[in-house]
Amino acid sequence: MAERRRAGPTTTAPRAAAASASTACVVAGAVMVTVAVVAGPGPGLTGYVSEAGVTDSAYAPAYRIGVFALAVGVLLLAAALPPVLRAAAALLGAGSVFALVSGAVACSAGCPLPPFERATTADLVHGGASILAVAAVVLAMLATTFTLAAPSALRRLAAVAVVVALPLAGATAVALVTVGRGSLIAVLERLLLLVAVLWGAATATTIALRR
């Protein structure tokens, strides 16, 4: 009986619907961004993911739509989380807003960022919003992991994601200020985004299936 209580109640119909929609948005958004990055004229594994959204790229619309879909998916996941995960939901809500800003404000060619490159205001807004969006998702993983009253399945998923995401986030931050643009930060960024997408889709699917 104690274990059953810890697992939590089944998901209500509205939360299940939000979770299902979240999974669809996250997967669709990730696919569109991936297509834009792979097929676009960007520098491949030596540049940032955001370079696929530069205005003179033919794949920029697909990239932006993909980012907007991811933002909606994150917001729907926030709505689908159990009430006990209020902190994680708030972080995801903030992350969705930052993701919308990231998609709405395109960076200039090469998406330059300090301290090694001269950045425009748009570059700083886009880069800052992108960083804050990913940080909010990682913090939501942490909040879920340490919310003892949360369903055990969601805590396990978050714990696994955190173990991978935190070192990647730390390494990305260090590379950004010590190495700058290059293959190292490009690979780290893509791996961190992959973990965030997989956690979001897995968490939303788990919530939907608990109905």
N, C-alpha and C. Protein backbone atom coordinates (compact mmCIF):
# COMPACT_ATOMS: atom_id res chain seq x y z
N MET A 1 0.83 -1.20 0.00
CA MET A 1 0.00 0.00 0.00
C MET A 1 0.86 1.25 0.00
N ALA A 2 1.97 1.23 0.76
CA ALA A 2 2.84 2.39 0.82
C ALA A 2 3.44 2.69 -0.54
N GLU A 3 3.86 1.64 -1.25
CA GLU A 3 4.45 1.83 -2.57
C GLU A 3 3.42 2.34 -3.56
N ARG A 4 2.17 1.87 -3.41
CA ARG A 4 1.12 2.33 -4.30
C ARG A 4 0.84 3.81 -4.09
N ARG A 5 0.83 4.27 -2.85
CA ARG A 5 0.62 5.69 -2.59
C ARG A 5 1.77 6.51 -3.15
N ARG A 6 2.98 6.00 -3.05
CA ARG A 6 4.15 6.73 -3.55
C ARG A 6 4.09 6.85 -5.06
N ALA A 7 3.52 5.86 -5.73
CA ALA A 7 3.45 5.91 -7.18
C ALA A 7 2.51 7.01 -7.66
N GLY A 8 1.56 7.40 -6.81
CA GLY A 8 0.69 8.52 -7.15
C GLY A 8 -0.56 8.06 -7.87
N PRO A 9 -1.57 8.93 -7.97
CA PRO A 9 -2.80 8.60 -8.65
C PRO A 9 -2.61 8.59 -10.16
N THR A 10 -3.59 8.05 -10.86
CA THR A 10 -3.53 8.06 -12.30
C THR A 10 -3.74 9.48 -12.82
N THR A 11 -3.33 9.71 -14.04
CA THR A 11 -3.41 11.04 -14.63
C THR A 11 -4.85 11.35 -15.03
N THR A 12 -5.30 12.57 -14.76
CA THR A 12 -6.63 12.98 -15.19
C THR A 12 -6.66 13.14 -16.71
N ALA A 13 -7.88 13.14 -17.27
CA ALA A 13 -8.03 13.23 -18.72
C ALA A 13 -7.40 14.50 -19.30
N PRO A 14 -7.62 15.68 -18.70
CA PRO A 14 -6.97 16.88 -19.27
C PRO A 14 -5.46 16.81 -19.24
N ARG A 15 -4.90 16.31 -18.15
CA ARG A 15 -3.44 16.21 -18.08
C ARG A 15 -2.91 15.16 -19.06
N ALA A 16 -3.64 14.10 -19.24
CA ALA A 16 -3.23 13.08 -20.21
C ALA A 16 -3.25 13.65 -21.62
N ALA A 17 -4.27 14.44 -21.93
CA ALA A 17 -4.35 15.07 -23.26
C ALA A 17 -3.20 16.05 -23.46
N ALA A 18 -2.90 16.84 -22.43
CA ALA A 18 -1.78 17.78 -22.51
C ALA A 18 -0.46 17.04 -22.69
N ALA A 19 -0.30 15.93 -21.99
CA ALA A 19 0.93 15.14 -22.09
C ALA A 19 1.08 14.55 -23.49
N SER A 20 -0.01 14.03 -24.04
CA SER A 20 0.04 13.45 -25.39
C SER A 20 0.40 14.52 -26.42
N ALA A 21 -0.24 15.69 -26.28
CA ALA A 21 0.07 16.79 -27.20
C ALA A 21 1.51 17.26 -27.03
N SER A 22 2.00 17.25 -25.79
CA SER A 22 3.38 17.63 -25.53
C SER A 22 4.35 16.71 -26.25
N THR A 23 4.11 15.41 -26.16
CA THR A 23 4.98 14.45 -26.84
C THR A 23 5.01 14.72 -28.33
N ALA A 24 3.84 14.95 -28.92
CA ALA A 24 3.77 15.20 -30.36
C ALA A 24 4.53 16.46 -30.74
N CYS A 25 4.37 17.53 -29.95
CA CYS A 25 5.05 18.79 -30.26
C CYS A 25 6.56 18.67 -30.09
N VAL A 26 6.99 18.02 -29.02
CA VAL A 26 8.43 17.88 -28.78
C VAL A 26 9.09 17.06 -29.89
N VAL A 27 8.47 15.95 -30.26
CA VAL A 27 9.05 15.10 -31.30
C VAL A 27 9.04 15.82 -32.65
N ALA A 28 7.91 16.43 -33.00
CA ALA A 28 7.81 17.15 -34.28
C ALA A 28 8.80 18.30 -34.33
N GLY A 29 8.89 19.06 -33.22
CA GLY A 29 9.83 20.18 -33.19
C GLY A 29 11.27 19.73 -33.32
N ALA A 30 11.62 18.65 -32.62
CA ALA A 30 12.99 18.14 -32.69
C ALA A 30 13.33 17.67 -34.09
N VAL A 31 12.38 17.03 -34.76
CA VAL A 31 12.61 16.55 -36.13
C VAL A 31 12.83 17.73 -37.07
N MET A 32 12.00 18.76 -36.96
CA MET A 32 12.13 19.92 -37.85
C MET A 32 13.45 20.65 -37.64
N VAL A 33 13.85 20.82 -36.38
CA VAL A 33 15.12 21.48 -36.11
C VAL A 33 16.28 20.63 -36.64
N THR A 34 16.20 19.32 -36.45
CA THR A 34 17.25 18.43 -36.93
C THR A 34 17.39 18.49 -38.45
N VAL A 35 16.26 18.49 -39.14
CA VAL A 35 16.29 18.59 -40.61
C VAL A 35 16.93 19.90 -41.04
N ALA A 36 16.56 20.99 -40.38
CA ALA A 36 17.12 22.30 -40.72
C ALA A 36 18.63 22.34 -40.48
N VAL A 37 19.07 21.71 -39.39
CA VAL A 37 20.50 21.71 -39.06
C VAL A 37 21.29 20.83 -40.03
N VAL A 38 20.74 19.66 -40.33
CA VAL A 38 21.46 18.70 -41.18
C VAL A 38 21.44 19.12 -42.65
N ALA A 39 20.27 19.54 -43.12
CA ALA A 39 20.13 19.86 -44.54
C ALA A 39 20.48 21.30 -44.88
N GLY A 40 20.52 22.17 -43.90
CA GLY A 40 20.79 23.58 -44.15
C GLY A 40 22.24 23.84 -44.49
N PRO A 41 22.55 25.09 -44.83
CA PRO A 41 23.90 25.45 -45.28
C PRO A 41 24.87 25.74 -44.14
N GLY A 42 24.51 25.37 -42.93
CA GLY A 42 25.35 25.65 -41.77
C GLY A 42 26.67 24.90 -41.81
N PRO A 43 27.54 25.18 -40.83
CA PRO A 43 28.89 24.60 -40.82
C PRO A 43 28.97 23.19 -40.24
N GLY A 44 27.85 22.53 -40.03
CA GLY A 44 27.87 21.17 -39.51
C GLY A 44 28.31 21.11 -38.07
N LEU A 45 29.22 20.21 -37.76
CA LEU A 45 29.64 20.00 -36.38
C LEU A 45 30.73 20.97 -35.93
N THR A 46 30.81 22.13 -36.55
CA THR A 46 31.73 23.15 -36.08
C THR A 46 31.00 24.43 -35.70
N GLY A 47 29.68 24.41 -35.79
CA GLY A 47 28.89 25.59 -35.47
C GLY A 47 27.76 25.29 -34.53
N TYR A 48 27.00 26.35 -34.20
CA TYR A 48 25.88 26.21 -33.28
C TYR A 48 24.63 25.71 -34.01
N VAL A 49 23.74 25.08 -33.25
CA VAL A 49 22.46 24.66 -33.81
C VAL A 49 21.69 25.86 -34.33
N SER A 50 21.78 26.98 -33.63
CA SER A 50 21.02 28.18 -33.98
C SER A 50 21.36 28.72 -35.36
N GLU A 51 22.50 28.36 -35.92
CA GLU A 51 22.87 28.86 -37.23
C GLU A 51 21.92 28.40 -38.32
N ALA A 52 21.16 27.35 -38.05
CA ALA A 52 20.15 26.91 -39.02
C ALA A 52 19.01 27.90 -39.14
N GLY A 53 18.89 28.80 -38.15
CA GLY A 53 17.81 29.77 -38.17
C GLY A 53 18.20 31.14 -38.67
N VAL A 54 19.42 31.29 -39.18
CA VAL A 54 19.86 32.58 -39.73
C VAL A 54 18.95 32.96 -40.90
N THR A 55 18.59 34.22 -40.99
CA THR A 55 17.53 34.66 -41.91
C THR A 55 17.80 34.34 -43.37
N ASP A 56 19.06 34.28 -43.81
CA ASP A 56 19.32 34.02 -45.22
C ASP A 56 19.38 32.53 -45.56
N SER A 57 19.08 31.69 -44.60
CA SER A 57 19.04 30.25 -44.84
C SER A 57 17.66 29.83 -45.32
N ALA A 58 17.62 28.97 -46.33
CA ALA A 58 16.34 28.49 -46.85
C ALA A 58 15.61 27.63 -45.83
N TYR A 59 16.35 27.12 -44.86
CA TYR A 59 15.75 26.25 -43.85
C TYR A 59 15.41 26.99 -42.56
N ALA A 60 15.60 28.32 -42.57
CA ALA A 60 15.29 29.11 -41.38
C ALA A 60 13.83 28.98 -40.94
N PRO A 61 12.85 29.02 -41.87
CA PRO A 61 11.45 28.85 -41.43
C PRO A 61 11.20 27.52 -40.74
N ALA A 62 11.78 26.44 -41.28
CA ALA A 62 11.61 25.12 -40.65
C ALA A 62 12.24 25.11 -39.27
N TYR A 63 13.39 25.75 -39.14
CA TYR A 63 14.06 25.81 -37.84
C TYR A 63 13.19 26.55 -36.83
N ARG A 64 12.67 27.70 -37.22
CA ARG A 64 11.89 28.50 -36.28
C ARG A 64 10.59 27.79 -35.90
N ILE A 65 9.93 27.20 -36.88
CA ILE A 65 8.70 26.45 -36.56
C ILE A 65 9.01 25.32 -35.60
N GLY A 66 10.15 24.65 -35.82
CA GLY A 66 10.55 23.58 -34.93
C GLY A 66 10.79 24.07 -33.51
N VAL A 67 11.45 25.23 -33.37
CA VAL A 67 11.70 25.80 -32.04
C VAL A 67 10.38 26.19 -31.38
N PHE A 68 9.47 26.77 -32.15
CA PHE A 68 8.16 27.13 -31.59
C PHE A 68 7.40 25.89 -31.13
N ALA A 69 7.49 24.80 -31.93
CA ALA A 69 6.82 23.56 -31.55
C ALA A 69 7.42 23.01 -30.25
N LEU A 70 8.73 23.10 -30.11
CA LEU A 70 9.37 22.65 -28.87
C LEU A 70 8.91 23.50 -27.69
N ALA A 71 8.79 24.81 -27.91
CA ALA A 71 8.33 25.70 -26.83
C ALA A 71 6.92 25.34 -26.39
N VAL A 72 6.05 25.07 -27.35
CA VAL A 72 4.68 24.67 -27.01
C VAL A 72 4.68 23.32 -26.29
N GLY A 73 5.54 22.41 -26.76
CA GLY A 73 5.63 21.11 -26.10
C GLY A 73 6.07 21.20 -24.67
N VAL A 74 7.03 22.08 -24.40
CA VAL A 74 7.50 22.29 -23.02
C VAL A 74 6.39 22.89 -22.16
N LEU A 75 5.65 23.84 -22.72
CA LEU A 75 4.55 24.45 -21.97
C LEU A 75 3.45 23.43 -21.67
N LEU A 76 3.15 22.58 -22.63
CA LEU A 76 2.15 21.53 -22.42
C LEU A 76 2.62 20.53 -21.37
N LEU A 77 3.91 20.23 -21.37
CA LEU A 77 4.44 19.33 -20.35
C LEU A 77 4.29 19.94 -18.97
N ALA A 78 4.52 21.26 -18.86
CA ALA A 78 4.33 21.94 -17.58
C ALA A 78 2.89 21.80 -17.11
N ALA A 79 1.95 21.91 -18.03
CA ALA A 79 0.53 21.78 -17.68
C ALA A 79 0.16 20.35 -17.32
N ALA A 80 0.89 19.38 -17.88
CA ALA A 80 0.56 17.97 -17.65
C ALA A 80 1.16 17.41 -16.37
N LEU A 81 2.17 18.06 -15.81
CA LEU A 81 2.82 17.53 -14.61
C LEU A 81 1.83 17.45 -13.44
N PRO A 82 2.00 16.47 -12.56
CA PRO A 82 1.16 16.38 -11.37
C PRO A 82 1.28 17.64 -10.51
N PRO A 83 0.24 18.00 -9.77
CA PRO A 83 0.27 19.23 -8.96
C PRO A 83 1.45 19.29 -8.00
N VAL A 84 1.93 18.14 -7.55
CA VAL A 84 3.03 18.14 -6.59
C VAL A 84 4.32 18.67 -7.20
N LEU A 85 4.41 18.68 -8.53
CA LEU A 85 5.60 19.15 -9.22
C LEU A 85 5.44 20.61 -9.67
N ARG A 86 4.96 21.44 -8.76
CA ARG A 86 4.73 22.85 -9.10
C ARG A 86 6.02 23.57 -9.48
N ALA A 87 7.09 23.28 -8.77
CA ALA A 87 8.37 23.96 -9.06
C ALA A 87 8.87 23.59 -10.45
N ALA A 88 8.82 22.31 -10.78
CA ALA A 88 9.24 21.88 -12.10
C ALA A 88 8.36 22.48 -13.19
N ALA A 89 7.06 22.55 -12.93
CA ALA A 89 6.13 23.12 -13.91
C ALA A 89 6.44 24.60 -14.14
N ALA A 90 6.74 25.34 -13.06
CA ALA A 90 7.07 26.75 -13.19
C ALA A 90 8.35 26.94 -14.01
N LEU A 91 9.34 26.09 -13.77
CA LEU A 91 10.59 26.17 -14.52
C LEU A 91 10.35 25.87 -16.00
N LEU A 92 9.53 24.87 -16.28
CA LEU A 92 9.23 24.55 -17.68
C LEU A 92 8.45 25.66 -18.35
N GLY A 93 7.55 26.30 -17.59
CA GLY A 93 6.81 27.42 -18.14
C GLY A 93 7.75 28.55 -18.53
N ALA A 94 8.72 28.84 -17.65
CA ALA A 94 9.71 29.87 -17.97
C ALA A 94 10.57 29.45 -19.16
N GLY A 95 10.93 28.17 -19.19
CA GLY A 95 11.72 27.68 -20.31
C GLY A 95 11.02 27.81 -21.64
N SER A 96 9.70 27.61 -21.65
CA SER A 96 8.95 27.74 -22.89
C SER A 96 8.95 29.19 -23.39
N VAL A 97 8.87 30.14 -22.46
CA VAL A 97 8.92 31.55 -22.84
C VAL A 97 10.28 31.90 -23.45
N PHE A 98 11.34 31.43 -22.81
CA PHE A 98 12.69 31.68 -23.34
C PHE A 98 12.86 31.04 -24.72
N ALA A 99 12.30 29.85 -24.90
CA ALA A 99 12.39 29.18 -26.19
C ALA A 99 11.65 29.96 -27.27
N LEU A 100 10.50 30.53 -26.94
CA LEU A 100 9.76 31.36 -27.88
C LEU A 100 10.59 32.58 -28.30
N VAL A 101 11.25 33.21 -27.33
CA VAL A 101 12.11 34.36 -27.64
C VAL A 101 13.27 33.92 -28.54
N SER A 102 13.84 32.77 -28.25
CA SER A 102 14.94 32.25 -29.04
C SER A 102 14.52 32.02 -30.49
N GLY A 103 13.31 31.50 -30.68
CA GLY A 103 12.83 31.26 -32.03
C GLY A 103 12.43 32.54 -32.76
N ALA A 104 11.97 33.52 -32.00
CA ALA A 104 11.49 34.76 -32.62
C ALA A 104 12.63 35.70 -33.01
N VAL A 105 13.73 35.66 -32.27
CA VAL A 105 14.87 36.55 -32.54
C VAL A 105 16.00 35.75 -33.18
N ALA A 106 16.23 36.01 -34.45
CA ALA A 106 17.28 35.29 -35.17
C ALA A 106 18.64 35.93 -34.91
N CYS A 107 19.66 35.09 -34.85
CA CYS A 107 21.02 35.62 -34.70
C CYS A 107 21.60 35.97 -36.06
N SER A 108 22.70 36.68 -36.08
CA SER A 108 23.37 37.02 -37.33
C SER A 108 24.21 35.84 -37.81
N ALA A 109 24.81 35.97 -38.96
CA ALA A 109 25.60 34.87 -39.54
C ALA A 109 26.66 34.40 -38.56
N GLY A 110 26.68 33.09 -38.32
CA GLY A 110 27.65 32.52 -37.40
C GLY A 110 27.23 32.54 -35.95
N CYS A 111 26.13 33.25 -35.64
CA CYS A 111 25.63 33.36 -34.26
C CYS A 111 26.77 33.66 -33.28
N PRO A 112 27.51 34.75 -33.50
CA PRO A 112 28.66 35.05 -32.64
C PRO A 112 28.25 35.34 -31.20
N LEU A 113 29.09 34.90 -30.28
CA LEU A 113 28.86 35.13 -28.85
C LEU A 113 30.19 35.55 -28.20
N PRO A 114 30.12 36.40 -27.19
CA PRO A 114 31.34 36.75 -26.45
C PRO A 114 31.81 35.54 -25.66
N PRO A 115 33.07 35.48 -25.22
CA PRO A 115 34.04 36.57 -25.24
C PRO A 115 34.97 36.58 -26.46
N PHE A 116 34.81 35.60 -27.37
CA PHE A 116 35.75 35.49 -28.48
C PHE A 116 35.26 36.14 -29.77
N GLU A 117 33.98 36.49 -29.83
CA GLU A 117 33.41 37.06 -31.04
C GLU A 117 32.60 38.31 -30.70
N ARG A 118 32.50 39.19 -31.65
CA ARG A 118 31.73 40.41 -31.46
C ARG A 118 30.27 40.12 -31.82
N ALA A 119 29.39 40.31 -30.86
CA ALA A 119 27.98 39.95 -31.04
C ALA A 119 27.11 41.20 -31.14
N THR A 120 26.03 41.08 -31.93
CA THR A 120 25.04 42.14 -32.02
C THR A 120 24.04 41.97 -30.87
N THR A 121 23.14 42.94 -30.75
CA THR A 121 22.11 42.84 -29.72
C THR A 121 21.23 41.61 -29.96
N ALA A 122 20.88 41.38 -31.22
CA ALA A 122 20.06 40.20 -31.55
C ALA A 122 20.79 38.91 -31.19
N ASP A 123 22.10 38.87 -31.42
CA ASP A 123 22.88 37.68 -31.05
C ASP A 123 22.81 37.43 -29.55
N LEU A 124 22.94 38.50 -28.77
CA LEU A 124 22.92 38.36 -27.32
C LEU A 124 21.55 37.93 -26.82
N VAL A 125 20.50 38.52 -27.40
CA VAL A 125 19.14 38.15 -27.00
C VAL A 125 18.86 36.69 -27.36
N HIS A 126 19.19 36.32 -28.58
CA HIS A 126 18.94 34.94 -29.02
C HIS A 126 19.76 33.95 -28.19
N GLY A 127 21.06 34.23 -28.06
CA GLY A 127 21.92 33.31 -27.31
C GLY A 127 21.52 33.21 -25.85
N GLY A 128 21.22 34.36 -25.23
CA GLY A 128 20.81 34.34 -23.83
C GLY A 128 19.51 33.59 -23.62
N ALA A 129 18.54 33.81 -24.51
CA ALA A 129 17.26 33.12 -24.39
C ALA A 129 17.44 31.61 -24.59
N SER A 130 18.27 31.23 -25.53
CA SER A 130 18.51 29.80 -25.78
C SER A 130 19.15 29.13 -24.57
N ILE A 131 20.15 29.79 -24.00
CA ILE A 131 20.82 29.24 -22.83
C ILE A 131 19.87 29.12 -21.65
N LEU A 132 19.06 30.15 -21.43
CA LEU A 132 18.11 30.13 -20.31
C LEU A 132 17.03 29.07 -20.51
N ALA A 133 16.62 28.86 -21.75
CA ALA A 133 15.60 27.84 -22.03
C ALA A 133 16.11 26.45 -21.65
N VAL A 134 17.33 26.14 -22.08
CA VAL A 134 17.90 24.82 -21.75
C VAL A 134 18.16 24.71 -20.25
N ALA A 135 18.66 25.79 -19.64
CA ALA A 135 18.92 25.77 -18.20
C ALA A 135 17.64 25.52 -17.41
N ALA A 136 16.53 26.12 -17.85
CA ALA A 136 15.26 25.93 -17.16
C ALA A 136 14.81 24.47 -17.22
N VAL A 137 15.03 23.83 -18.36
CA VAL A 137 14.66 22.42 -18.50
C VAL A 137 15.51 21.55 -17.60
N VAL A 138 16.81 21.82 -17.56
CA VAL A 138 17.71 21.04 -16.69
C VAL A 138 17.33 21.22 -15.23
N LEU A 139 17.00 22.45 -14.83
CA LEU A 139 16.58 22.70 -13.45
C LEU A 139 15.25 22.01 -13.15
N ALA A 140 14.38 21.91 -14.15
CA ALA A 140 13.12 21.19 -13.96
C ALA A 140 13.39 19.70 -13.73
N MET A 141 14.39 19.16 -14.40
CA MET A 141 14.79 17.77 -14.13
C MET A 141 15.22 17.62 -12.68
N LEU A 142 16.04 18.56 -12.21
CA LEU A 142 16.50 18.52 -10.83
C LEU A 142 15.34 18.63 -9.85
N ALA A 143 14.42 19.56 -10.12
CA ALA A 143 13.27 19.75 -9.23
C ALA A 143 12.43 18.48 -9.16
N THR A 144 12.26 17.82 -10.30
CA THR A 144 11.49 16.57 -10.32
C THR A 144 12.20 15.48 -9.54
N THR A 145 13.50 15.39 -9.71
CA THR A 145 14.28 14.36 -9.03
C THR A 145 14.17 14.48 -7.52
N PHE A 146 14.19 15.70 -7.01
CA PHE A 146 14.23 15.91 -5.56
C PHE A 146 12.86 16.20 -4.94
N THR A 147 11.81 16.05 -5.71
CA THR A 147 10.46 16.17 -5.15
C THR A 147 10.03 14.77 -4.73
N LEU A 148 10.19 14.47 -3.45
CA LEU A 148 9.99 13.11 -2.95
C LEU A 148 8.55 12.64 -3.12
N ALA A 149 7.59 13.55 -3.14
CA ALA A 149 6.20 13.15 -3.28
C ALA A 149 5.80 12.91 -4.73
N ALA A 150 6.69 13.15 -5.66
CA ALA A 150 6.37 12.96 -7.08
C ALA A 150 6.29 11.47 -7.41
N PRO A 151 5.55 11.10 -8.44
CA PRO A 151 5.50 9.70 -8.87
C PRO A 151 6.89 9.15 -9.12
N SER A 152 7.13 7.96 -8.67
CA SER A 152 8.47 7.38 -8.74
C SER A 152 8.97 7.24 -10.17
N ALA A 153 8.07 6.95 -11.12
CA ALA A 153 8.48 6.80 -12.51
C ALA A 153 9.04 8.11 -13.06
N LEU A 154 8.39 9.23 -12.71
CA LEU A 154 8.87 10.52 -13.18
C LEU A 154 10.19 10.89 -12.51
N ARG A 155 10.34 10.55 -11.24
CA ARG A 155 11.59 10.84 -10.54
C ARG A 155 12.75 10.04 -11.13
N ARG A 156 12.50 8.80 -11.49
CA ARG A 156 13.56 7.98 -12.07
C ARG A 156 14.01 8.54 -13.42
N LEU A 157 13.03 8.91 -14.26
CA LEU A 157 13.37 9.49 -15.56
C LEU A 157 14.21 10.76 -15.39
N ALA A 158 13.78 11.61 -14.47
CA ALA A 158 14.49 12.87 -14.24
C ALA A 158 15.90 12.62 -13.70
N ALA A 159 16.03 11.64 -12.80
CA ALA A 159 17.33 11.35 -12.21
C ALA A 159 18.32 10.88 -13.27
N VAL A 160 17.87 10.01 -14.17
CA VAL A 160 18.74 9.53 -15.24
C VAL A 160 19.14 10.69 -16.15
N ALA A 161 18.17 11.54 -16.48
CA ALA A 161 18.46 12.68 -17.35
C ALA A 161 19.44 13.65 -16.70
N VAL A 162 19.27 13.89 -15.40
CA VAL A 162 20.14 14.82 -14.69
C VAL A 162 21.58 14.32 -14.66
N VAL A 163 21.75 13.03 -14.46
CA VAL A 163 23.10 12.45 -14.40
C VAL A 163 23.86 12.72 -15.71
N VAL A 164 23.13 12.73 -16.82
CA VAL A 164 23.77 12.99 -18.11
C VAL A 164 23.83 14.48 -18.41
N ALA A 165 22.73 15.20 -18.10
CA ALA A 165 22.61 16.59 -18.51
C ALA A 165 23.53 17.53 -17.73
N LEU A 166 23.67 17.32 -16.42
CA LEU A 166 24.48 18.25 -15.63
C LEU A 166 25.94 18.31 -16.09
N PRO A 167 26.62 17.18 -16.29
CA PRO A 167 28.00 17.27 -16.79
C PRO A 167 28.08 17.92 -18.16
N LEU A 168 27.10 17.63 -19.04
CA LEU A 168 27.10 18.24 -20.36
C LEU A 168 26.89 19.75 -20.27
N ALA A 169 25.97 20.17 -19.39
CA ALA A 169 25.72 21.60 -19.22
C ALA A 169 26.95 22.31 -18.68
N GLY A 170 27.59 21.70 -17.70
CA GLY A 170 28.80 22.30 -17.14
C GLY A 170 29.91 22.39 -18.16
N ALA A 171 30.11 21.31 -18.91
CA ALA A 171 31.16 21.31 -19.92
C ALA A 171 30.87 22.32 -21.03
N THR A 172 29.60 22.46 -21.40
CA THR A 172 29.22 23.43 -22.43
C THR A 172 29.51 24.86 -21.96
N ALA A 173 29.16 25.15 -20.70
CA ALA A 173 29.40 26.49 -20.16
C ALA A 173 30.90 26.81 -20.13
N VAL A 174 31.71 25.84 -19.69
CA VAL A 174 33.15 26.05 -19.63
C VAL A 174 33.73 26.24 -21.03
N ALA A 175 33.26 25.43 -21.99
CA ALA A 175 33.77 25.53 -23.36
C ALA A 175 33.39 26.87 -23.98
N LEU A 176 32.21 27.36 -23.64
CA LEU A 176 31.75 28.62 -24.20
C LEU A 176 32.66 29.79 -23.83
N VAL A 177 33.15 29.79 -22.58
CA VAL A 177 33.95 30.92 -22.11
C VAL A 177 35.46 30.69 -22.23
N THR A 178 35.87 29.46 -22.50
CA THR A 178 37.30 29.19 -22.58
C THR A 178 37.77 28.80 -23.99
N VAL A 179 36.90 28.21 -24.77
CA VAL A 179 37.27 27.74 -26.11
C VAL A 179 36.53 28.51 -27.19
N GLY A 180 35.23 28.69 -26.99
CA GLY A 180 34.43 29.38 -27.98
C GLY A 180 33.97 28.46 -29.10
N ARG A 181 33.53 29.08 -30.15
CA ARG A 181 32.97 28.37 -31.30
C ARG A 181 33.92 27.30 -31.84
N GLY A 182 33.37 26.12 -32.10
CA GLY A 182 34.19 25.04 -32.63
C GLY A 182 33.49 23.71 -32.47
N SER A 183 34.16 22.65 -32.86
CA SER A 183 33.55 21.32 -32.86
C SER A 183 33.23 20.84 -31.45
N LEU A 184 34.04 21.23 -30.46
CA LEU A 184 33.80 20.77 -29.09
C LEU A 184 32.46 21.26 -28.57
N ILE A 185 32.24 22.55 -28.62
CA ILE A 185 30.98 23.09 -28.10
C ILE A 185 29.81 22.68 -28.97
N ALA A 186 30.05 22.47 -30.26
CA ALA A 186 28.97 22.03 -31.15
C ALA A 186 28.46 20.65 -30.73
N VAL A 187 29.39 19.74 -30.46
CA VAL A 187 28.99 18.39 -30.05
C VAL A 187 28.32 18.41 -28.68
N LEU A 188 28.90 19.16 -27.74
CA LEU A 188 28.32 19.25 -26.40
C LEU A 188 26.91 19.82 -26.44
N GLU A 189 26.73 20.87 -27.23
CA GLU A 189 25.42 21.51 -27.34
C GLU A 189 24.38 20.53 -27.89
N ARG A 190 24.74 19.80 -28.91
CA ARG A 190 23.79 18.87 -29.52
C ARG A 190 23.45 17.72 -28.57
N LEU A 191 24.43 17.23 -27.84
CA LEU A 191 24.16 16.16 -26.88
C LEU A 191 23.24 16.64 -25.75
N LEU A 192 23.46 17.87 -25.27
CA LEU A 192 22.63 18.41 -24.21
C LEU A 192 21.20 18.61 -24.68
N LEU A 193 21.04 19.11 -25.90
CA LEU A 193 19.69 19.29 -26.45
C LEU A 193 19.00 17.94 -26.64
N LEU A 194 19.76 16.94 -27.06
CA LEU A 194 19.19 15.61 -27.24
C LEU A 194 18.66 15.06 -25.92
N VAL A 195 19.44 15.22 -24.84
CA VAL A 195 18.99 14.75 -23.53
C VAL A 195 17.72 15.47 -23.11
N ALA A 196 17.66 16.78 -23.33
CA ALA A 196 16.48 17.56 -22.96
C ALA A 196 15.25 17.09 -23.73
N VAL A 197 15.41 16.85 -25.02
CA VAL A 197 14.29 16.39 -25.84
C VAL A 197 13.83 15.00 -25.42
N LEU A 198 14.78 14.10 -25.21
CA LEU A 198 14.41 12.74 -24.80
C LEU A 198 13.71 12.74 -23.45
N TRP A 199 14.19 13.54 -22.50
CA TRP A 199 13.54 13.60 -21.19
C TRP A 199 12.13 14.16 -21.32
N GLY A 200 11.97 15.23 -22.08
CA GLY A 200 10.65 15.81 -22.24
C GLY A 200 9.66 14.84 -22.87
N ALA A 201 10.08 14.17 -23.95
CA ALA A 201 9.19 13.23 -24.62
C ALA A 201 8.88 12.03 -23.74
N ALA A 202 9.90 11.50 -23.05
CA ALA A 202 9.69 10.34 -22.18
C ALA A 202 8.79 10.67 -21.00
N THR A 203 8.99 11.85 -20.40
CA THR A 203 8.17 12.25 -19.27
C THR A 203 6.73 12.46 -19.68
N ALA A 204 6.52 13.15 -20.81
CA ALA A 204 5.16 13.38 -21.29
C ALA A 204 4.46 12.06 -21.62
N THR A 205 5.18 11.15 -22.24
CA THR A 205 4.59 9.85 -22.59
C THR A 205 4.22 9.07 -21.34
N THR A 206 5.09 9.10 -20.35
CA THR A 206 4.81 8.40 -19.09
C THR A 206 3.57 8.95 -18.43
N ILE A 207 3.43 10.27 -18.40
CA ILE A 207 2.23 10.88 -17.80
C ILE A 207 0.98 10.48 -18.57
N ALA A 208 1.06 10.49 -19.89
CA ALA A 208 -0.10 10.14 -20.71
C ALA A 208 -0.54 8.70 -20.48
N LEU A 209 0.42 7.80 -20.28
CA LEU A 209 0.10 6.39 -20.12
C LEU A 209 -0.41 6.05 -18.73
N ARG A 210 -0.30 7.00 -17.78
CA ARG A 210 -0.77 6.75 -16.42
C ARG A 210 -2.27 7.00 -16.26
N ARG A 211 -2.93 7.40 -17.32
CA ARG A 211 -4.36 7.68 -17.22
C ARG A 211 -5.13 6.43 -16.85
